[in-house]
PDB file of all heavy atoms in Angstrom:
ATOM      1  N   ASP A   1       0.864  -1.187   0.022  1.00  0.00           N
ATOM      2  CA  ASP A   1       0.018  -0.013  -0.008  1.00  0.00           C
ATOM      3  C   ASP A   1       0.890   1.272   0.011  1.00  0.00           C
ATOM      4  O   ASP A   1       0.598   2.239  -0.665  1.00  0.00           O
ATOM      5  CB  ASP A   1      -0.887  -0.028   1.240  1.00  0.00           C
ATOM      6  CG  ASP A   1      -1.952  -1.016   1.151  1.00  0.00           C
ATOM      7  OD1 ASP A   1      -2.244  -1.528  -0.007  1.00  0.00           O
ATOM      8  OD2 ASP A   1      -2.587  -1.331   2.205  1.00  0.00           O
ATOM      9  N   TRP A   2       1.918   1.224   0.786  1.00  0.00           N
ATOM     10  CA  TRP A   2       2.862   2.400   0.801  1.00  0.00           C
ATOM     11  C   TRP A   2       3.441   2.621  -0.559  1.00  0.00           C
ATOM     12  O   TRP A   2       3.630   3.819  -0.920  1.00  0.00           O
ATOM     13  CB  TRP A   2       3.957   2.133   1.829  1.00  0.00           C
ATOM     14  CG  TRP A   2       5.080   3.087   1.776  1.00  0.00           C
ATOM     15  CD1 TRP A   2       5.169   4.291   2.367  1.00  0.00           C
ATOM     16  CD2 TRP A   2       6.324   2.871   1.062  1.00  0.00           C
ATOM     17  NE1 TRP A   2       6.360   4.873   2.001  1.00  0.00           N
ATOM     18  CE2 TRP A   2       7.116   4.051   1.209  1.00  0.00           C
ATOM     19  CE3 TRP A   2       6.856   1.820   0.330  1.00  0.00           C
ATOM     20  CZ2 TRP A   2       8.375   4.180   0.649  1.00  0.00           C
ATOM     21  CZ3 TRP A   2       8.143   1.958  -0.224  1.00  0.00           C
ATOM     22  CH2 TRP A   2       8.834   3.160  -0.062  1.00  0.00           C
ATOM     23  N   LYS A   3       3.787   1.549  -1.277  1.00  0.00           N
ATOM     24  CA  LYS A   3       4.384   1.704  -2.547  1.00  0.00           C
ATOM     25  C   LYS A   3       3.495   2.394  -3.486  1.00  0.00           C
ATOM     26  O   LYS A   3       3.831   3.224  -4.303  1.00  0.00           O
ATOM     27  CB  LYS A   3       4.784   0.374  -3.102  1.00  0.00           C
ATOM     28  CG  LYS A   3       5.510   0.409  -4.502  1.00  0.00           C
ATOM     29  CD  LYS A   3       5.463  -0.933  -5.165  1.00  0.00           C
ATOM     30  CE  LYS A   3       4.043  -1.218  -5.653  1.00  0.00           C
ATOM     31  NZ  LYS A   3       4.062  -2.414  -6.596  1.00  0.00           N
ATOM     32  N   LEU A   4       2.154   2.030  -3.466  1.00  0.00           N
ATOM     33  CA  LEU A   4       1.146   2.582  -4.389  1.00  0.00           C
ATOM     34  C   LEU A   4       0.904   4.070  -3.963  1.00  0.00           C
ATOM     35  O   LEU A   4       0.896   4.909  -4.805  1.00  0.00           O
ATOM     36  CB  LEU A   4      -0.223   1.857  -4.274  1.00  0.00           C
ATOM     37  CG  LEU A   4      -0.093   0.393  -4.772  1.00  0.00           C
ATOM     38  CD1 LEU A   4      -1.522  -0.256  -4.559  1.00  0.00           C
ATOM     39  CD2 LEU A   4       0.181   0.397  -6.287  1.00  0.00           C
ATOM     40  N   ARG A   5       0.899   4.346  -2.627  1.00  0.00           N
ATOM     41  CA  ARG A   5       0.683   5.699  -2.303  1.00  0.00           C
ATOM     42  C   ARG A   5       1.865   6.587  -2.630  1.00  0.00           C
ATOM     43  O   ARG A   5       1.789   7.770  -3.141  1.00  0.00           O
ATOM     44  CB  ARG A   5       0.462   5.866  -0.719  1.00  0.00           C
ATOM     45  CG  ARG A   5      -0.833   5.256  -0.300  1.00  0.00           C
ATOM     46  CD  ARG A   5      -1.159   5.739   1.139  1.00  0.00           C
ATOM     47  NE  ARG A   5      -0.097   5.376   2.063  1.00  0.00           N
ATOM     48  CZ  ARG A   5      -0.004   4.200   2.735  1.00  0.00           C
ATOM     49  NH1 ARG A   5      -0.948   3.359   2.608  1.00  0.00           N
ATOM     50  NH2 ARG A   5       0.993   4.031   3.594  1.00  0.00           N
ATOM     51  N   ALA A   6       3.045   6.050  -2.393  1.00  0.00           N
ATOM     52  CA  ALA A   6       4.309   6.807  -2.732  1.00  0.00           C
ATOM     53  C   ALA A   6       4.385   7.078  -4.278  1.00  0.00           C
ATOM     54  O   ALA A   6       4.856   8.182  -4.704  1.00  0.00           O
ATOM     55  CB  ALA A   6       5.543   6.078  -2.282  1.00  0.00           C
ATOM     56  N   ARG A   7       3.928   6.058  -5.103  1.00  0.00           N
ATOM     57  CA  ARG A   7       3.909   6.237  -6.544  1.00  0.00           C
ATOM     58  C   ARG A   7       3.030   7.360  -6.978  1.00  0.00           C
ATOM     59  O   ARG A   7       3.398   8.143  -7.817  1.00  0.00           O
ATOM     60  CB  ARG A   7       3.619   4.947  -7.285  1.00  0.00           C
ATOM     61  CG  ARG A   7       3.690   4.984  -8.665  1.00  0.00           C
ATOM     62  CD  ARG A   7       3.189   3.697  -9.341  1.00  0.00           C
ATOM     63  NE  ARG A   7       4.051   2.518  -8.981  1.00  0.00           N
ATOM     64  CZ  ARG A   7       3.863   1.222  -9.353  1.00  0.00           C
ATOM     65  NH1 ARG A   7       2.673   1.008  -9.930  1.00  0.00           N
ATOM     66  NH2 ARG A   7       4.670   0.330  -8.934  1.00  0.00           N
ATOM     67  N   ARG A   8       1.840   7.387  -6.385  1.00  0.00           N
ATOM     68  CA  ARG A   8       0.866   8.449  -6.685  1.00  0.00           C
ATOM     69  C   ARG A   8       1.426   9.801  -6.295  1.00  0.00           C
ATOM     70  O   ARG A   8       1.248  10.771  -7.084  1.00  0.00           O
ATOM     71  CB  ARG A   8      -0.499   8.240  -5.916  1.00  0.00           C
ATOM     72  CG  ARG A   8      -1.144   6.854  -6.430  1.00  0.00           C
ATOM     73  CD  ARG A   8      -2.600   6.904  -5.890  1.00  0.00           C
ATOM     74  NE  ARG A   8      -3.235   5.566  -6.073  1.00  0.00           N
ATOM     75  CZ  ARG A   8      -3.397   4.690  -5.165  1.00  0.00           C
ATOM     76  NH1 ARG A   8      -3.064   4.940  -3.891  1.00  0.00           N
ATOM     77  NH2 ARG A   8      -4.032   3.500  -5.475  1.00  0.00           N
ATOM     78  N   ARG A   9       2.095   9.884  -5.178  1.00  0.00           N
ATOM     79  CA  ARG A   9       2.595  11.121  -4.681  1.00  0.00           C
ATOM     80  C   ARG A   9       3.754  11.614  -5.645  1.00  0.00           C
ATOM     81  O   ARG A   9       3.862  12.836  -6.010  1.00  0.00           O
ATOM     82  CB  ARG A   9       3.071  11.049  -3.291  1.00  0.00           C
ATOM     83  CG  ARG A   9       1.993  10.865  -2.270  1.00  0.00           C
ATOM     84  CD  ARG A   9       2.565  10.847  -0.860  1.00  0.00           C
ATOM     85  NE  ARG A   9       3.156  12.118  -0.551  1.00  0.00           N
ATOM     86  CZ  ARG A   9       3.931  12.332   0.513  1.00  0.00           C
ATOM     87  NH1 ARG A   9       4.071  11.368   1.408  1.00  0.00           N
ATOM     88  NH2 ARG A   9       4.478  13.555   0.790  1.00  0.00           N
ATOM     89  N   LYS A  10       4.525  10.680  -6.018  1.00  0.00           N
ATOM     90  CA  LYS A  10       5.670  11.051  -6.944  1.00  0.00           C
ATOM     91  C   LYS A  10       5.102  11.517  -8.354  1.00  0.00           C
ATOM     92  O   LYS A  10       5.603  12.383  -8.907  1.00  0.00           O
ATOM     93  CB  LYS A  10       6.478   9.790  -7.188  1.00  0.00           C
ATOM     94  CG  LYS A  10       7.856  10.115  -7.790  1.00  0.00           C
ATOM     95  CD  LYS A  10       8.809   8.933  -7.676  1.00  0.00           C
ATOM     96  CE  LYS A  10      10.214   9.342  -8.253  1.00  0.00           C
ATOM     97  NZ  LYS A  10      11.117   8.241  -8.027  1.00  0.00           N
ATOM     98  N   ALA A  11       3.989  10.807  -8.746  1.00  0.00           N
ATOM     99  CA  ALA A  11       3.435  11.143 -10.057  1.00  0.00           C
ATOM    100  C   ALA A  11       2.833  12.575  -9.943  1.00  0.00           C
ATOM    101  O   ALA A  11       2.785  13.320 -10.956  1.00  0.00           O
ATOM    102  CB  ALA A  11       2.390  10.190 -10.479  1.00  0.00           C
ATOM    103  N   ALA A  12       2.312  12.881  -8.738  1.00  0.00           N
ATOM    104  CA  ALA A  12       1.719  14.315  -8.510  1.00  0.00           C
ATOM    105  C   ALA A  12       2.788  15.333  -8.332  1.00  0.00           C
ATOM    106  O   ALA A  12       2.464  16.486  -8.119  1.00  0.00           O
ATOM    107  CB  ALA A  12       0.788  14.289  -7.369  1.00  0.00           C
ATOM    108  N   GLY A  13       4.010  14.915  -8.216  1.00  0.00           N
ATOM    109  CA  GLY A  13       5.106  15.939  -8.124  1.00  0.00           C
ATOM    110  C   GLY A  13       5.606  16.102  -6.767  1.00  0.00           C
ATOM    111  O   GLY A  13       6.352  16.915  -6.458  1.00  0.00           O
ATOM    112  N   ALA A  14       5.004  15.373  -5.684  1.00  0.00           N
ATOM    113  CA  ALA A  14       5.331  15.490  -4.327  1.00  0.00           C
ATOM    114  C   ALA A  14       6.549  14.475  -4.069  1.00  0.00           C
ATOM    115  O   ALA A  14       6.698  13.571  -4.793  1.00  0.00           O
ATOM    116  CB  ALA A  14       4.190  15.271  -3.440  1.00  0.00           C
ATOM    117  N   HIS A  15       7.222  14.830  -2.933  1.00  0.00           N
ATOM    118  CA  HIS A  15       8.324  13.843  -2.575  1.00  0.00           C
ATOM    119  C   HIS A  15       7.574  12.626  -1.898  1.00  0.00           C
ATOM    120  O   HIS A  15       6.731  12.756  -1.098  1.00  0.00           O
ATOM    121  CB  HIS A  15       9.234  14.571  -1.422  1.00  0.00           C
ATOM    122  CG  HIS A  15       9.976  15.663  -2.015  1.00  0.00           C
ATOM    123  ND1 HIS A  15      10.996  15.414  -2.969  1.00  0.00           N
ATOM    124  CD2 HIS A  15       9.914  17.034  -1.874  1.00  0.00           C
ATOM    125  CE1 HIS A  15      11.540  16.616  -3.298  1.00  0.00           C
ATOM    126  NE2 HIS A  15      10.963  17.576  -2.638  1.00  0.00           N
ATOM    127  N   SER A  16       8.104  11.463  -2.401  1.00  0.00           N
ATOM    128  CA  SER A  16       7.415  10.275  -1.929  1.00  0.00           C
ATOM    129  C   SER A  16       7.617   9.992  -0.426  1.00  0.00           C
ATOM    130  O   SER A  16       6.720   9.883   0.325  1.00  0.00           O
ATOM    131  CB  SER A  16       7.861   9.106  -2.710  1.00  0.00           C
ATOM    132  OG  SER A  16       9.346   8.985  -2.603  1.00  0.00           O
ATOM    133  N   LEU A  17       8.832   9.993  -0.025  1.00  0.00           N
ATOM    134  CA  LEU A  17       9.179   9.783   1.348  1.00  0.00           C
ATOM    135  C   LEU A  17      10.565  10.359   1.545  1.00  0.00           C
ATOM    136  O   LEU A  17      11.299  10.442   0.607  1.00  0.00           O
ATOM    137  CB  LEU A  17       9.193   8.280   1.788  1.00  0.00           C
ATOM    138  CG  LEU A  17       7.931   7.646   2.204  1.00  0.00           C
ATOM    139  CD1 LEU A  17       8.116   6.171   2.511  1.00  0.00           C
ATOM    140  CD2 LEU A  17       7.202   8.281   3.312  1.00  0.00           C
ATOM    141  N   PRO A  18      10.882  10.877   2.787  1.00  0.00           N
ATOM    142  CA  PRO A  18      12.213  11.348   2.966  1.00  0.00           C
ATOM    143  C   PRO A  18      13.268  10.232   2.735  1.00  0.00           C
ATOM    144  O   PRO A  18      13.140   9.094   3.311  1.00  0.00           O
ATOM    145  CB  PRO A  18      12.197  11.806   4.338  1.00  0.00           C
ATOM    146  CG  PRO A  18      11.064  11.123   5.081  1.00  0.00           C
ATOM    147  CD  PRO A  18      10.165  10.958   3.934  1.00  0.00           C
ATOM    148  N   VAL A  19      14.337  10.545   2.131  1.00  0.00           N
ATOM    149  CA  VAL A  19      15.382   9.593   1.947  1.00  0.00           C
ATOM    150  C   VAL A  19      16.375   9.648   3.100  1.00  0.00           C
ATOM    151  O   VAL A  19      16.973  10.694   3.318  1.00  0.00           O
ATOM    152  CB  VAL A  19      16.121   9.798   0.545  1.00  0.00           C
ATOM    153  CG1 VAL A  19      17.302   8.813   0.413  1.00  0.00           C
ATOM    154  CG2 VAL A  19      15.148   9.689  -0.595  1.00  0.00           C
ATOM    155  N   ARG A  20      16.518   8.525   3.805  1.00  0.00           N
ATOM    156  CA  ARG A  20      17.398   8.549   4.943  1.00  0.00           C
ATOM    157  C   ARG A  20      18.870   8.489   4.458  1.00  0.00           C
ATOM    158  O   ARG A  20      19.236   7.635   3.533  1.00  0.00           O
ATOM    159  CB  ARG A  20      17.163   7.329   5.840  1.00  0.00           C
ATOM    160  CG  ARG A  20      17.948   7.329   7.019  1.00  0.00           C
ATOM    161  CD  ARG A  20      17.750   5.962   7.785  1.00  0.00           C
ATOM    162  NE  ARG A  20      16.418   5.936   8.306  1.00  0.00           N
ATOM    163  CZ  ARG A  20      15.631   4.940   7.990  1.00  0.00           C
ATOM    164  NH1 ARG A  20      15.893   4.040   7.131  1.00  0.00           N
ATOM    165  NH2 ARG A  20      14.434   4.850   8.509  1.00  0.00           N
ATOM    166  N   ARG A  21      19.679   9.466   4.929  1.00  0.00           N
ATOM    167  CA  ARG A  21      21.095   9.424   4.618  1.00  0.00           C
ATOM    168  C   ARG A  21      21.726   8.322   5.410  1.00  0.00           C
ATOM    169  O   ARG A  21      21.635   8.265   6.625  1.00  0.00           O
ATOM    170  CB  ARG A  21      21.792  10.730   4.928  1.00  0.00           C
ATOM    171  CG  ARG A  21      21.181  11.873   4.124  1.00  0.00           C
ATOM    172  CD  ARG A  21      21.467  11.804   2.622  1.00  0.00           C
ATOM    173  NE  ARG A  21      20.923  12.782   1.870  1.00  0.00           N
ATOM    174  CZ  ARG A  21      20.964  12.812   0.515  1.00  0.00           C
ATOM    175  NH1 ARG A  21      21.575  11.878  -0.108  1.00  0.00           N
ATOM    176  NH2 ARG A  21      20.390  13.790  -0.066  1.00  0.00           N
ATOM    177  N   VAL A  22      22.618   7.424   4.771  1.00  0.00           N
ATOM    178  CA  VAL A  22      23.205   6.352   5.381  1.00  0.00           C
ATOM    179  C   VAL A  22      24.661   6.548   5.347  1.00  0.00           C
ATOM    180  O   VAL A  22      25.235   7.141   4.439  1.00  0.00           O
ATOM    181  CB  VAL A  22      22.802   5.068   4.811  1.00  0.00           C
ATOM    182  CG1 VAL A  22      21.307   4.753   4.971  1.00  0.00           C
ATOM    183  CG2 VAL A  22      23.111   4.964   3.304  1.00  0.00           C
ATOM    184  N   PRO A  23      25.391   6.112   6.418  1.00  0.00           N
ATOM    185  CA  PRO A  23      26.847   6.243   6.418  1.00  0.00           C
ATOM    186  C   PRO A  23      27.530   5.490   5.347  1.00  0.00           C
ATOM    187  O   PRO A  23      27.185   4.403   5.087  1.00  0.00           O
ATOM    188  CB  PRO A  23      27.258   5.711   7.838  1.00  0.00           C
ATOM    189  CG  PRO A  23      26.161   4.720   8.161  1.00  0.00           C
ATOM    190  CD  PRO A  23      24.936   5.363   7.542  1.00  0.00           C
ATOM    191  N   PRO A  24      28.574   6.052   4.718  1.00  0.00           N
ATOM    192  CA  PRO A  24      29.245   5.385   3.664  1.00  0.00           C
ATOM    193  C   PRO A  24      30.193   4.314   4.261  1.00  0.00           C
ATOM    194  O   PRO A  24      30.794   4.416   5.241  1.00  0.00           O
ATOM    195  CB  PRO A  24      30.044   6.433   2.945  1.00  0.00           C
ATOM    196  CG  PRO A  24      30.268   7.450   4.067  1.00  0.00           C
ATOM    197  CD  PRO A  24      29.143   7.413   4.932  1.00  0.00           C
ATOM    198  N   TRP A  25      30.407   3.174   3.467  1.00  0.00           N
ATOM    199  CA  TRP A  25      31.359   2.169   3.825  1.00  0.00           C
ATOM    200  C   TRP A  25      32.225   2.084   2.582  1.00  0.00           C
ATOM    201  O   TRP A  25      31.948   2.251   1.408  1.00  0.00           O
ATOM    202  CB  TRP A  25      30.666   0.811   4.017  1.00  0.00           C
ATOM    203  CG  TRP A  25      29.912   0.764   5.242  1.00  0.00           C
ATOM    204  CD1 TRP A  25      28.733   1.301   5.517  1.00  0.00           C
ATOM    205  CD2 TRP A  25      30.090  -0.064   6.349  1.00  0.00           C
ATOM    206  NE1 TRP A  25      28.232   1.100   6.758  1.00  0.00           N
ATOM    207  CE2 TRP A  25      29.212   0.150   7.299  1.00  0.00           C
ATOM    208  CE3 TRP A  25      31.227  -0.948   6.709  1.00  0.00           C
ATOM    209  CZ2 TRP A  25      29.136  -0.473   8.578  1.00  0.00           C
ATOM    210  CZ3 TRP A  25      31.159  -1.622   7.869  1.00  0.00           C
ATOM    211  CH2 TRP A  25      30.153  -1.273   8.848  1.00  0.00           C
ATOM    212  N   ILE A  26      33.532   1.742   2.826  1.00  0.00           N
ATOM    213  CA  ILE A  26      34.435   1.464   1.856  1.00  0.00           C
ATOM    214  C   ILE A  26      34.454  -0.030   1.496  1.00  0.00           C
ATOM    215  O   ILE A  26      34.785  -0.817   2.432  1.00  0.00           O
ATOM    216  CB  ILE A  26      35.791   2.081   2.123  1.00  0.00           C
ATOM    217  CG1 ILE A  26      35.755   3.517   2.443  1.00  0.00           C
ATOM    218  CG2 ILE A  26      36.779   1.771   0.980  1.00  0.00           C
ATOM    219  CD1 ILE A  26      35.217   4.356   1.276  1.00  0.00           C
ATOM    220  N   ALA A  27      34.278  -0.393   0.290  1.00  0.00           N
ATOM    221  CA  ALA A  27      34.330  -1.775  -0.110  1.00  0.00           C
ATOM    222  C   ALA A  27      35.518  -2.102  -0.983  1.00  0.00           C
ATOM    223  O   ALA A  27      35.733  -1.385  -1.927  1.00  0.00           O
ATOM    224  CB  ALA A  27      33.026  -2.229  -0.804  1.00  0.00           C
ATOM    225  N   TYR A  28      36.196  -3.144  -0.729  1.00  0.00           N
ATOM    226  CA  TYR A  28      37.407  -3.506  -1.509  1.00  0.00           C
ATOM    227  C   TYR A  28      37.152  -4.772  -2.242  1.00  0.00           C
ATOM    228  O   TYR A  28      36.146  -5.514  -2.002  1.00  0.00           O
ATOM    229  CB  TYR A  28      38.563  -3.707  -0.732  1.00  0.00           C
ATOM    230  CG  TYR A  28      39.045  -2.289  -0.112  1.00  0.00           C
ATOM    231  CD1 TYR A  28      38.495  -1.858   1.177  1.00  0.00           C
ATOM    232  CD2 TYR A  28      39.933  -1.634  -0.794  1.00  0.00           C
ATOM    233  CE1 TYR A  28      38.921  -0.615   1.545  1.00  0.00           C
ATOM    234  CE2 TYR A  28      40.355  -0.382  -0.357  1.00  0.00           C
ATOM    235  CZ  TYR A  28      39.860   0.121   0.811  1.00  0.00           C
ATOM    236  OH  TYR A  28      40.276   1.344   1.308  1.00  0.00           O
ATOM    237  N   PRO A  29      37.930  -5.136  -3.300  1.00  0.00           N
ATOM    238  CA  PRO A  29      37.582  -6.252  -4.110  1.00  0.00           C
ATOM    239  C   PRO A  29      37.565  -7.591  -3.433  1.00  0.00           C
ATOM    240  O   PRO A  29      36.983  -8.562  -3.936  1.00  0.00           O
ATOM    241  CB  PRO A  29      38.798  -6.214  -5.167  1.00  0.00           C
ATOM    242  CG  PRO A  29      39.789  -5.252  -4.721  1.00  0.00           C
ATOM    243  CD  PRO A  29      39.069  -4.410  -3.757  1.00  0.00           C
ATOM    244  N   CYS A  30      38.183  -7.683  -2.245  1.00  0.00           N
ATOM    245  CA  CYS A  30      38.099  -9.012  -1.468  1.00  0.00           C
ATOM    246  C   CYS A  30      38.270  -8.658  -0.083  1.00  0.00           C
ATOM    247  O   CYS A  30      38.799  -7.588   0.292  1.00  0.00           O
ATOM    248  CB  CYS A  30      39.006 -10.044  -1.996  1.00  0.00           C
ATOM    249  SG  CYS A  30      40.668  -9.882  -1.651  1.00  0.00           S
ATOM    250  N   GLY A  31      38.052  -9.625   0.802  1.00  0.00           N
ATOM    251  CA  GLY A  31      38.266  -9.504   2.175  1.00  0.00           C
ATOM    252  C   GLY A  31      37.117  -8.715   2.805  1.00  0.00           C
ATOM    253  O   GLY A  31      35.982  -8.736   2.389  1.00  0.00           O
ATOM    254  N   THR A  32      37.315  -8.142   4.058  1.00  0.00           N
ATOM    255  CA  THR A  32      36.183  -7.497   4.776  1.00  0.00           C
ATOM    256  C   THR A  32      36.241  -6.008   4.483  1.00  0.00           C
ATOM    257  O   THR A  32      37.219  -5.437   4.043  1.00  0.00           O
ATOM    258  CB  THR A  32      36.428  -7.773   6.258  1.00  0.00           C
ATOM    259  OG1 THR A  32      37.765  -7.199   6.606  1.00  0.00           O
ATOM    260  CG2 THR A  32      36.302  -9.251   6.673  1.00  0.00           C
ATOM    261  N   GLN A  33      35.142  -5.328   4.852  1.00  0.00           N
ATOM    262  CA  GLN A  33      35.137  -3.868   4.816  1.00  0.00           C
ATOM    263  C   GLN A  33      36.204  -3.391   5.777  1.00  0.00           C
ATOM    264  O   GLN A  33      36.374  -3.811   6.813  1.00  0.00           O
ATOM    265  CB  GLN A  33      33.721  -3.427   5.278  1.00  0.00           C
ATOM    266  CG  GLN A  33      32.759  -3.845   4.231  1.00  0.00           C
ATOM    267  CD  GLN A  33      31.364  -4.030   4.903  1.00  0.00           C
ATOM    268  OE1 GLN A  33      31.281  -4.083   6.080  1.00  0.00           O
ATOM    269  NE2 GLN A  33      30.404  -4.508   4.112  1.00  0.00           N
ATOM    270  N   THR A  34      36.920  -2.395   5.284  1.00  0.00           N
ATOM    271  CA  THR A  34      38.035  -1.999   6.017  1.00  0.00           C
ATOM    272  C   THR A  34      38.392  -0.576   5.753  1.00  0.00           C
ATOM    273  O   THR A  34      37.792   0.094   4.906  1.00  0.00           O
ATOM    274  CB  THR A  34      39.284  -2.966   5.549  1.00  0.00           C
ATOM    275  OG1 THR A  34      40.467  -2.463   6.303  1.00  0.00           O
ATOM    276  CG2 THR A  34      39.524  -2.813   4.058  1.00  0.00           C
ATOM    277  N   ARG A  35      39.488  -0.089   6.385  1.00  0.00           N
ATOM    278  CA  ARG A  35      39.833   1.322   6.275  1.00  0.00           C
ATOM    279  C   ARG A  35      40.682   1.388   4.978  1.00  0.00           C
ATOM    280  O   ARG A  35      41.317   0.472   4.455  1.00  0.00           O
ATOM    281  CB  ARG A  35      40.727   1.758   7.453  1.00  0.00           C
ATOM    282  CG  ARG A  35      39.845   1.731   8.780  1.00  0.00           C
ATOM    283  CD  ARG A  35      40.735   2.138   9.931  1.00  0.00           C
ATOM    284  NE  ARG A  35      40.127   2.020  11.150  1.00  0.00           N
ATOM    285  CZ  ARG A  35      39.427   3.087  11.689  1.00  0.00           C
ATOM    286  NH1 ARG A  35      39.401   4.272  11.077  1.00  0.00           N
ATOM    287  NH2 ARG A  35      38.800   3.030  12.855  1.00  0.00           N
ATOM    288  N   ALA A  36      40.706   2.716   4.414  1.00  0.00           N
ATOM    289  CA  ALA A  36      41.571   2.955   3.273  1.00  0.00           C
ATOM    290  C   ALA A  36      43.052   2.615   3.669  1.00  0.00           C
ATOM    291  O   ALA A  36      43.463   2.945   4.678  1.00  0.00           O
ATOM    292  CB  ALA A  36      41.465   4.433   2.890  1.00  0.00           C
TER     293      ALA A  36
END
């Protein structure tokens, strides 16, 4: 239901939902997430 309501709001030009800012992680080609 939320998806349908958000889609209608977006089609009407309103912001669907606030986008939560999430902390960045650094990912490397192998191993664990780690520091630069």
